[in-house]
Amino acid sequence: MSLVVHIVRRDLRLALRQGADTLMVLGFFVLAVVLFPFGIGPEPQVLERISAGVLWIMALLAALLSLDRLFQGDYEDGSLDLLALASPSLTSIVLGKVLAHWLTTGLPLLIMAPLLAVLLQMKGEGMAILVAAMALGTPALSLVGAVGAALVLGARRGGVLVSLLVLPLYVPVLVFGVAAVDAVSMGFEERASLLML
């Protein structure tokens, strides 16, 4: 467990030094959601109806932006090899990297989602379920994304490849995340969708 904590601390320090990645992810998420009402129109009923889908799709695409760099920096400078040789468990290394990725991408998305939901006319009860669903779904995005990032490690055009590999695997998270919010807005029980996440 101490290796996981060490890797998380190390990756968070690196992320703070290279703050552009986190800002890029968050900036894309905010700008894409803010621009959406300009393309769709300002009708509150339409915005409320599509708000969960818009927020989830934009969060999913924003999380994709940083996936190709999940292992790439450590692979290029050789520290990934050193970690693999020094550690008895590769699972701890991957868990630490995924947790750090979630803290630098998923958590900022989770924090910004309710603020952007207000812009898209989402009601309070739906907003609470959106936060719960994103709290369950964004770690899943990081975990699934880590598989894709590991598979394309060292490949040219890794960003495109990881997107092609991971996007189909993100669909269940998207479906159940949106379904949880939609269930509340239609007066149904959201628990089944949240449990599936």
C-alpha atoms as a PDB file:
ATOM      1  CA  MET A   1       0.000   0.000   0.000  1.00  0.00           C
ATOM      2  CA  SER A   2       2.887   2.353   0.649  1.00  0.00           C
ATOM      3  CA  LEU A   3       3.976   1.927  -2.988  1.00  0.00           C
ATOM      4  CA  VAL A   4       0.542   3.076  -4.154  1.00  0.00           C
ATOM      5  CA  VAL A   5       0.754   6.161  -1.923  1.00  0.00           C
ATOM      6  CA  HIS A   6       4.303   6.859  -3.123  1.00  0.00           C
ATOM      7  CA  ILE A   7       3.276   6.658  -6.788  1.00  0.00           C
ATOM      8  CA  VAL A   8       0.214   8.841  -6.207  1.00  0.00           C
ATOM      9  CA  ARG A   9       2.316  11.501  -4.458  1.00  0.00           C
ATOM     10  CA  ARG A  10       4.965  11.374  -7.166  1.00  0.00           C
ATOM     11  CA  ASP A  11       2.448  11.647 -10.004  1.00  0.00           C
ATOM     12  CA  LEU A  12       0.565  14.458  -8.266  1.00  0.00           C
ATOM     13  CA  ARG A  13       3.824  16.403  -7.861  1.00  0.00           C
ATOM     14  CA  LEU A  14       4.591  15.880 -11.540  1.00  0.00           C
ATOM     15  CA  ALA A  15       1.066  16.956 -12.468  1.00  0.00           C
ATOM     16  CA  LEU A  16       1.423  20.137 -10.418  1.00  0.00           C
ATOM     17  CA  ARG A  17       4.685  20.947 -12.185  1.00  0.00           C
ATOM     18  CA  GLN A  18       3.084  20.286 -15.560  1.00  0.00           C
ATOM     19  CA  GLY A  19      -0.305  21.806 -14.782  1.00  0.00           C
ATOM     20  CA  ALA A  20      -1.171  22.199 -18.447  1.00  0.00           C
ATOM     21  CA  ASP A  21      -2.589  18.667 -18.731  1.00  0.00           C
ATOM     22  CA  THR A  22      -5.126  19.107 -15.949  1.00  0.00           C
ATOM     23  CA  LEU A  23      -6.030  22.589 -17.147  1.00  0.00           C
ATOM     24  CA  MET A  24      -6.436  21.298 -20.699  1.00  0.00           C
ATOM     25  CA  VAL A  25      -8.845  18.568 -19.577  1.00  0.00           C
ATOM     26  CA  LEU A  26     -10.843  20.923 -17.393  1.00  0.00           C
ATOM     27  CA  GLY A  27     -10.793  23.679 -20.017  1.00  0.00           C
ATOM     28  CA  PHE A  28     -12.084  21.336 -22.702  1.00  0.00           C
ATOM     29  CA  PHE A  29     -14.877  20.115 -20.429  1.00  0.00           C
ATOM     30  CA  VAL A  30     -15.997  23.613 -19.459  1.00  0.00           C
ATOM     31  CA  LEU A  31     -15.749  25.111 -22.950  1.00  0.00           C
ATOM     32  CA  ALA A  32     -17.512  22.218 -24.649  1.00  0.00           C
ATOM     33  CA  VAL A  33     -20.414  22.292 -22.193  1.00  0.00           C
ATOM     34  CA  VAL A  34     -20.662  26.102 -22.276  1.00  0.00           C
ATOM     35  CA  LEU A  35     -20.738  26.112 -26.086  1.00  0.00           C
ATOM     36  CA  PHE A  36     -23.446  23.466 -26.262  1.00  0.00           C
ATOM     37  CA  PRO A  37     -26.392  25.822 -25.523  1.00  0.00           C
ATOM     38  CA  PHE A  38     -25.239  28.079 -28.368  1.00  0.00           C
ATOM     39  CA  GLY A  39     -25.589  25.211 -30.829  1.00  0.00           C
ATOM     40  CA  ILE A  40     -28.807  23.734 -29.444  1.00  0.00           C
ATOM     41  CA  GLY A  41     -30.587  26.911 -28.400  1.00  0.00           C
ATOM     42  CA  PRO A  42     -31.467  28.451 -25.046  1.00  0.00           C
ATOM     43  CA  GLU A  43     -34.776  26.632 -24.461  1.00  0.00           C
ATOM     44  CA  PRO A  44     -34.694  25.473 -20.807  1.00  0.00           C
ATOM     45  CA  GLN A  45     -36.770  22.337 -21.423  1.00  0.00           C
ATOM     46  CA  VAL A  46     -34.455  21.114 -24.188  1.00  0.00           C
ATOM     47  CA  LEU A  47     -31.324  21.878 -22.171  1.00  0.00           C
ATOM     48  CA  GLU A  48     -32.703  20.123 -19.094  1.00  0.00           C
ATOM     49  CA  ARG A  49     -33.646  17.055 -21.132  1.00  0.00           C
ATOM     50  CA  ILE A  50     -30.187  16.640 -22.691  1.00  0.00           C
ATOM     51  CA  SER A  51     -28.075  17.946 -19.799  1.00  0.00           C
ATOM     52  CA  ALA A  52     -27.086  14.557 -18.359  1.00  0.00           C
ATOM     53  CA  GLY A  53     -26.038  13.225 -21.746  1.00  0.00           C
ATOM     54  CA  VAL A  54     -24.062  16.348 -22.604  1.00  0.00           C
ATOM     55  CA  LEU A  55     -22.215  16.369 -19.278  1.00  0.00           C
ATOM     56  CA  TRP A  56     -21.385  12.669 -19.440  1.00  0.00           C
ATOM     57  CA  ILE A  57     -20.216  12.739 -23.058  1.00  0.00           C
ATOM     58  CA  MET A  58     -18.046  15.797 -22.473  1.00  0.00           C
ATOM     59  CA  ALA A  59     -16.580  14.274 -19.294  1.00  0.00           C
ATOM     60  CA  LEU A  60     -15.829  11.082 -21.191  1.00  0.00           C
ATOM     61  CA  LEU A  61     -14.106  12.955 -24.024  1.00  0.00           C
ATOM     62  CA  ALA A  62     -12.219  15.188 -21.586  1.00  0.00           C
ATOM     63  CA  ALA A  63     -10.924  12.127 -19.718  1.00  0.00           C
ATOM     64  CA  LEU A  64      -9.668  10.732 -23.036  1.00  0.00           C
ATOM     65  CA  LEU A  65      -7.417  13.756 -23.550  1.00  0.00           C
ATOM     66  CA  SER A  66      -4.945  12.727 -20.868  1.00  0.00           C
ATOM     67  CA  LEU A  67      -5.027   8.941 -21.238  1.00  0.00           C
ATOM     68  CA  ASP A  68      -2.181   8.641 -23.712  1.00  0.00           C
ATOM     69  CA  ARG A  69       0.138  10.236 -21.149  1.00  0.00           C
ATOM     70  CA  LEU A  70      -0.884   7.976 -18.265  1.00  0.00           C
ATOM     71  CA  PHE A  71       2.179   5.733 -18.591  1.00  0.00           C
ATOM     72  CA  GLN A  72       4.021   7.470 -21.444  1.00  0.00           C
ATOM     73  CA  GLY A  73       6.282   9.797 -19.433  1.00  0.00           C
ATOM     74  CA  ASP A  74       7.465   7.007 -17.150  1.00  0.00           C
ATOM     75  CA  TYR A  75       7.958   4.728 -20.136  1.00  0.00           C
ATOM     76  CA  GLU A  76      10.084   7.263 -21.998  1.00  0.00           C
ATOM     77  CA  ASP A  77      12.374   8.148 -19.089  1.00  0.00           C
ATOM     78  CA  GLY A  78      12.758   4.539 -17.944  1.00  0.00           C
ATOM     79  CA  SER A  79      11.175   4.986 -14.527  1.00  0.00           C
ATOM     80  CA  LEU A  80       8.371   2.570 -15.431  1.00  0.00           C
ATOM     81  CA  ASP A  81      10.967  -0.167 -15.926  1.00  0.00           C
ATOM     82  CA  LEU A  82      12.585   0.693 -12.596  1.00  0.00           C
ATOM     83  CA  LEU A  83       9.229   0.607 -10.828  1.00  0.00           C
ATOM     84  CA  ALA A  84       8.416  -2.755 -12.403  1.00  0.00           C
ATOM     85  CA  LEU A  85      11.780  -4.193 -11.341  1.00  0.00           C
ATOM     86  CA  ALA A  86      11.631  -2.809  -7.810  1.00  0.00           C
ATOM     87  CA  SER A  87       8.027  -3.701  -7.067  1.00  0.00           C
ATOM     88  CA  PRO A  88       6.779  -7.179  -6.270  1.00  0.00           C
ATOM     89  CA  SER A  89       3.352  -6.184  -7.584  1.00  0.00           C
ATOM     90  CA  LEU A  90       2.563  -4.462 -10.862  1.00  0.00           C
ATOM     91  CA  THR A  91      -0.976  -4.052  -9.572  1.00  0.00           C
ATOM     92  CA  SER A  92       0.230  -1.515  -7.007  1.00  0.00           C
ATOM     93  CA  ILE A  93       1.978   0.496  -9.707  1.00  0.00           C
ATOM     94  CA  VAL A  94      -1.089   0.545 -11.943  1.00  0.00           C
ATOM     95  CA  LEU A  95      -3.420   1.326  -9.037  1.00  0.00           C
ATOM     96  CA  GLY A  96      -1.236   4.250  -7.983  1.00  0.00           C
ATOM     97  CA  LYS A  97      -1.062   5.619 -11.528  1.00  0.00           C
ATOM     98  CA  VAL A  98      -4.833   5.235 -12.010  1.00  0.00           C
ATOM     99  CA  LEU A  99      -5.606   6.904  -8.681  1.00  0.00           C
ATOM    100  CA  ALA A 100      -3.316   9.821  -9.535  1.00  0.00           C
ATOM    101  CA  HIS A 101      -4.962  10.074 -12.965  1.00  0.00           C
ATOM    102  CA  TRP A 102      -8.392  10.197 -11.372  1.00  0.00           C
ATOM    103  CA  LEU A 103      -7.286  12.852  -8.876  1.00  0.00           C
ATOM    104  CA  THR A 104      -5.940  15.053 -11.675  1.00  0.00           C
ATOM    105  CA  THR A 105      -8.724  14.505 -14.219  1.00  0.00           C
ATOM    106  CA  GLY A 106     -11.783  12.767 -12.760  1.00  0.00           C
ATOM    107  CA  LEU A 107     -11.993  14.786  -9.551  1.00  0.00           C
ATOM    108  CA  PRO A 108     -11.846  18.192 -11.300  1.00  0.00           C
ATOM    109  CA  LEU A 109     -14.543  16.991 -13.712  1.00  0.00           C
ATOM    110  CA  LEU A 110     -16.639  15.817 -10.764  1.00  0.00           C
ATOM    111  CA  ILE A 111     -16.267  19.205  -9.061  1.00  0.00           C
ATOM    112  CA  MET A 112     -17.157  21.195 -12.191  1.00  0.00           C
ATOM    113  CA  ALA A 113     -20.115  19.030 -13.253  1.00  0.00           C
ATOM    114  CA  PRO A 114     -22.709  20.486 -10.821  1.00  0.00           C
ATOM    115  CA  LEU A 115     -21.753  24.043 -11.763  1.00  0.00           C
ATOM    116  CA  LEU A 116     -22.165  23.262 -15.436  1.00  0.00           C
ATOM    117  CA  ALA A 117     -25.384  21.353 -14.725  1.00  0.00           C
ATOM    118  CA  VAL A 118     -26.896  24.611 -13.464  1.00  0.00           C
ATOM    119  CA  LEU A 119     -26.009  26.202 -16.803  1.00  0.00           C
ATOM    120  CA  LEU A 120     -27.845  23.367 -18.569  1.00  0.00           C
ATOM    121  CA  GLN A 121     -30.980  23.871 -16.414  1.00  0.00           C
ATOM    122  CA  MET A 122     -30.665  20.589 -14.492  1.00  0.00           C
ATOM    123  CA  LYS A 123     -32.870  20.381 -11.406  1.00  0.00           C
ATOM    124  CA  GLY A 124     -31.482  19.807  -7.896  1.00  0.00           C
ATOM    125  CA  GLU A 125     -32.476  16.154  -7.488  1.00  0.00           C
ATOM    126  CA  GLY A 126     -30.997  15.255 -10.861  1.00  0.00           C
ATOM    127  CA  MET A 127     -27.853  17.167  -9.953  1.00  0.00           C
ATOM    128  CA  ALA A 128     -27.360  15.119  -6.781  1.00  0.00           C
ATOM    129  CA  ILE A 129     -27.681  11.890  -8.761  1.00  0.00           C
ATOM    130  CA  LEU A 130     -25.328  13.272 -11.432  1.00  0.00           C
ATOM    131  CA  VAL A 131     -22.660  13.870  -8.781  1.00  0.00           C
ATOM    132  CA  ALA A 132     -23.194  10.383  -7.324  1.00  0.00           C
ATOM    133  CA  ALA A 133     -23.058   8.781 -10.772  1.00  0.00           C
ATOM    134  CA  MET A 134     -19.928  10.721 -11.728  1.00  0.00           C
ATOM    135  CA  ALA A 135     -18.301   9.820  -8.412  1.00  0.00           C
ATOM    136  CA  LEU A 136     -18.832   6.170  -9.362  1.00  0.00           C
ATOM    137  CA  GLY A 137     -18.264   6.510 -13.101  1.00  0.00           C
ATOM    138  CA  THR A 138     -15.147   8.671 -13.385  1.00  0.00           C
ATOM    139  CA  PRO A 139     -12.940   6.150 -11.537  1.00  0.00           C
ATOM    140  CA  ALA A 140     -14.245   3.527 -13.962  1.00  0.00           C
ATOM    141  CA  LEU A 141     -13.195   5.783 -16.847  1.00  0.00           C
ATOM    142  CA  SER A 142      -9.683   5.986 -15.395  1.00  0.00           C
ATOM    143  CA  LEU A 143      -9.472   2.224 -14.799  1.00  0.00           C
ATOM    144  CA  VAL A 144     -10.697   1.288 -18.261  1.00  0.00           C
ATOM    145  CA  GLY A 145      -8.526   3.985 -19.786  1.00  0.00           C
ATOM    146  CA  ALA A 146      -5.448   2.579 -18.051  1.00  0.00           C
ATOM    147  CA  VAL A 147      -5.935  -0.693 -19.918  1.00  0.00           C
ATOM    148  CA  GLY A 148      -6.017   1.133 -23.239  1.00  0.00           C
ATOM    149  CA  ALA A 149      -3.057   3.341 -22.311  1.00  0.00           C
ATOM    150  CA  ALA A 150      -1.000   0.295 -21.350  1.00  0.00           C
ATOM    151  CA  LEU A 151      -1.843  -1.487 -24.597  1.00  0.00           C
ATOM    152  CA  VAL A 152      -0.681   1.386 -26.811  1.00  0.00           C
ATOM    153  CA  LEU A 153       2.390   2.229 -24.743  1.00  0.00           C
ATOM    154  CA  GLY A 154       5.294   2.971 -27.045  1.00  0.00           C
ATOM    155  CA  ALA A 155       3.173   3.052 -30.201  1.00  0.00           C
ATOM    156  CA  ARG A 156       3.243   5.964 -32.596  1.00  0.00           C
ATOM    157  CA  ARG A 157      -0.045   7.855 -32.661  1.00  0.00           C
ATOM    158  CA  GLY A 158      -0.916   6.397 -29.267  1.00  0.00           C
ATOM    159  CA  GLY A 159      -3.563   9.040 -28.581  1.00  0.00           C
ATOM    160  CA  VAL A 160      -5.636   7.979 -31.570  1.00  0.00           C
ATOM    161  CA  LEU A 161      -5.204   4.291 -30.806  1.00  0.00           C
ATOM    162  CA  VAL A 162      -6.151   4.645 -27.155  1.00  0.00           C
ATOM    163  CA  SER A 163      -9.301   6.515 -28.186  1.00  0.00           C
ATOM    164  CA  LEU A 164     -10.289   3.765 -30.613  1.00  0.00           C
ATOM    165  CA  LEU A 165      -9.664   1.098 -27.987  1.00  0.00           C
ATOM    166  CA  VAL A 166     -11.287   2.798 -25.035  1.00  0.00           C
ATOM    167  CA  LEU A 167     -14.332   4.587 -26.454  1.00  0.00           C
ATOM    168  CA  PRO A 168     -16.372   1.395 -27.010  1.00  0.00           C
ATOM    169  CA  LEU A 169     -15.517   0.290 -23.475  1.00  0.00           C
ATOM    170  CA  TYR A 170     -16.739   3.625 -22.090  1.00  0.00           C
ATOM    171  CA  VAL A 171     -20.245   3.117 -23.486  1.00  0.00           C
ATOM    172  CA  PRO A 172     -21.644   1.190 -20.463  1.00  0.00           C
ATOM    173  CA  VAL A 173     -20.422   3.911 -18.084  1.00  0.00           C
ATOM    174  CA  LEU A 174     -22.069   6.522 -20.298  1.00  0.00           C
ATOM    175  CA  VAL A 175     -25.332   4.588 -20.595  1.00  0.00           C
ATOM    176  CA  PHE A 176     -25.742   3.890 -16.879  1.00  0.00           C
ATOM    177  CA  GLY A 177     -24.543   7.352 -15.829  1.00  0.00           C
ATOM    178  CA  VAL A 178     -27.101   9.073 -18.041  1.00  0.00           C
ATOM    179  CA  ALA A 179     -29.802   6.521 -17.157  1.00  0.00           C
ATOM    180  CA  ALA A 180     -29.430   7.268 -13.436  1.00  0.00           C
ATOM    181  CA  VAL A 181     -30.056  10.984 -13.951  1.00  0.00           C
ATOM    182  CA  ASP A 182     -32.849  10.388 -16.471  1.00  0.00           C
ATOM    183  CA  ALA A 183     -34.574   7.966 -14.097  1.00  0.00           C
ATOM    184  CA  VAL A 184     -34.811  10.646 -11.419  1.00  0.00           C
ATOM    185  CA  SER A 185     -36.125  13.244 -13.849  1.00  0.00           C
ATOM    186  CA  MET A 186     -38.871  10.808 -14.953  1.00  0.00           C
ATOM    187  CA  GLY A 187     -39.770   9.826 -11.394  1.00  0.00           C
ATOM    188  CA  PHE A 188     -38.256   6.335 -11.470  1.00  0.00           C
ATOM    189  CA  GLU A 189     -35.768   4.650  -9.156  1.00  0.00           C
ATOM    190  CA  GLU A 190     -32.136   5.449  -9.988  1.00  0.00           C
ATOM    191  CA  ARG A 191     -30.572   2.810  -7.745  1.00  0.00           C
ATOM    192  CA  ALA A 192     -30.274   0.117 -10.438  1.00  0.00           C
ATOM    193  CA  SER A 193     -28.243   2.361 -12.747  1.00  0.00           C
ATOM    194  CA  LEU A 194     -26.005   3.519  -9.901  1.00  0.00           C
ATOM    195  CA  LEU A 195     -25.373  -0.073  -8.856  1.00  0.00           C
ATOM    196  CA  MET A 196     -24.380  -0.958 -12.408  1.00  0.00           C
ATOM    197  CA  LEU A 197     -21.750   1.781 -12.333  1.00  0.00           C
END
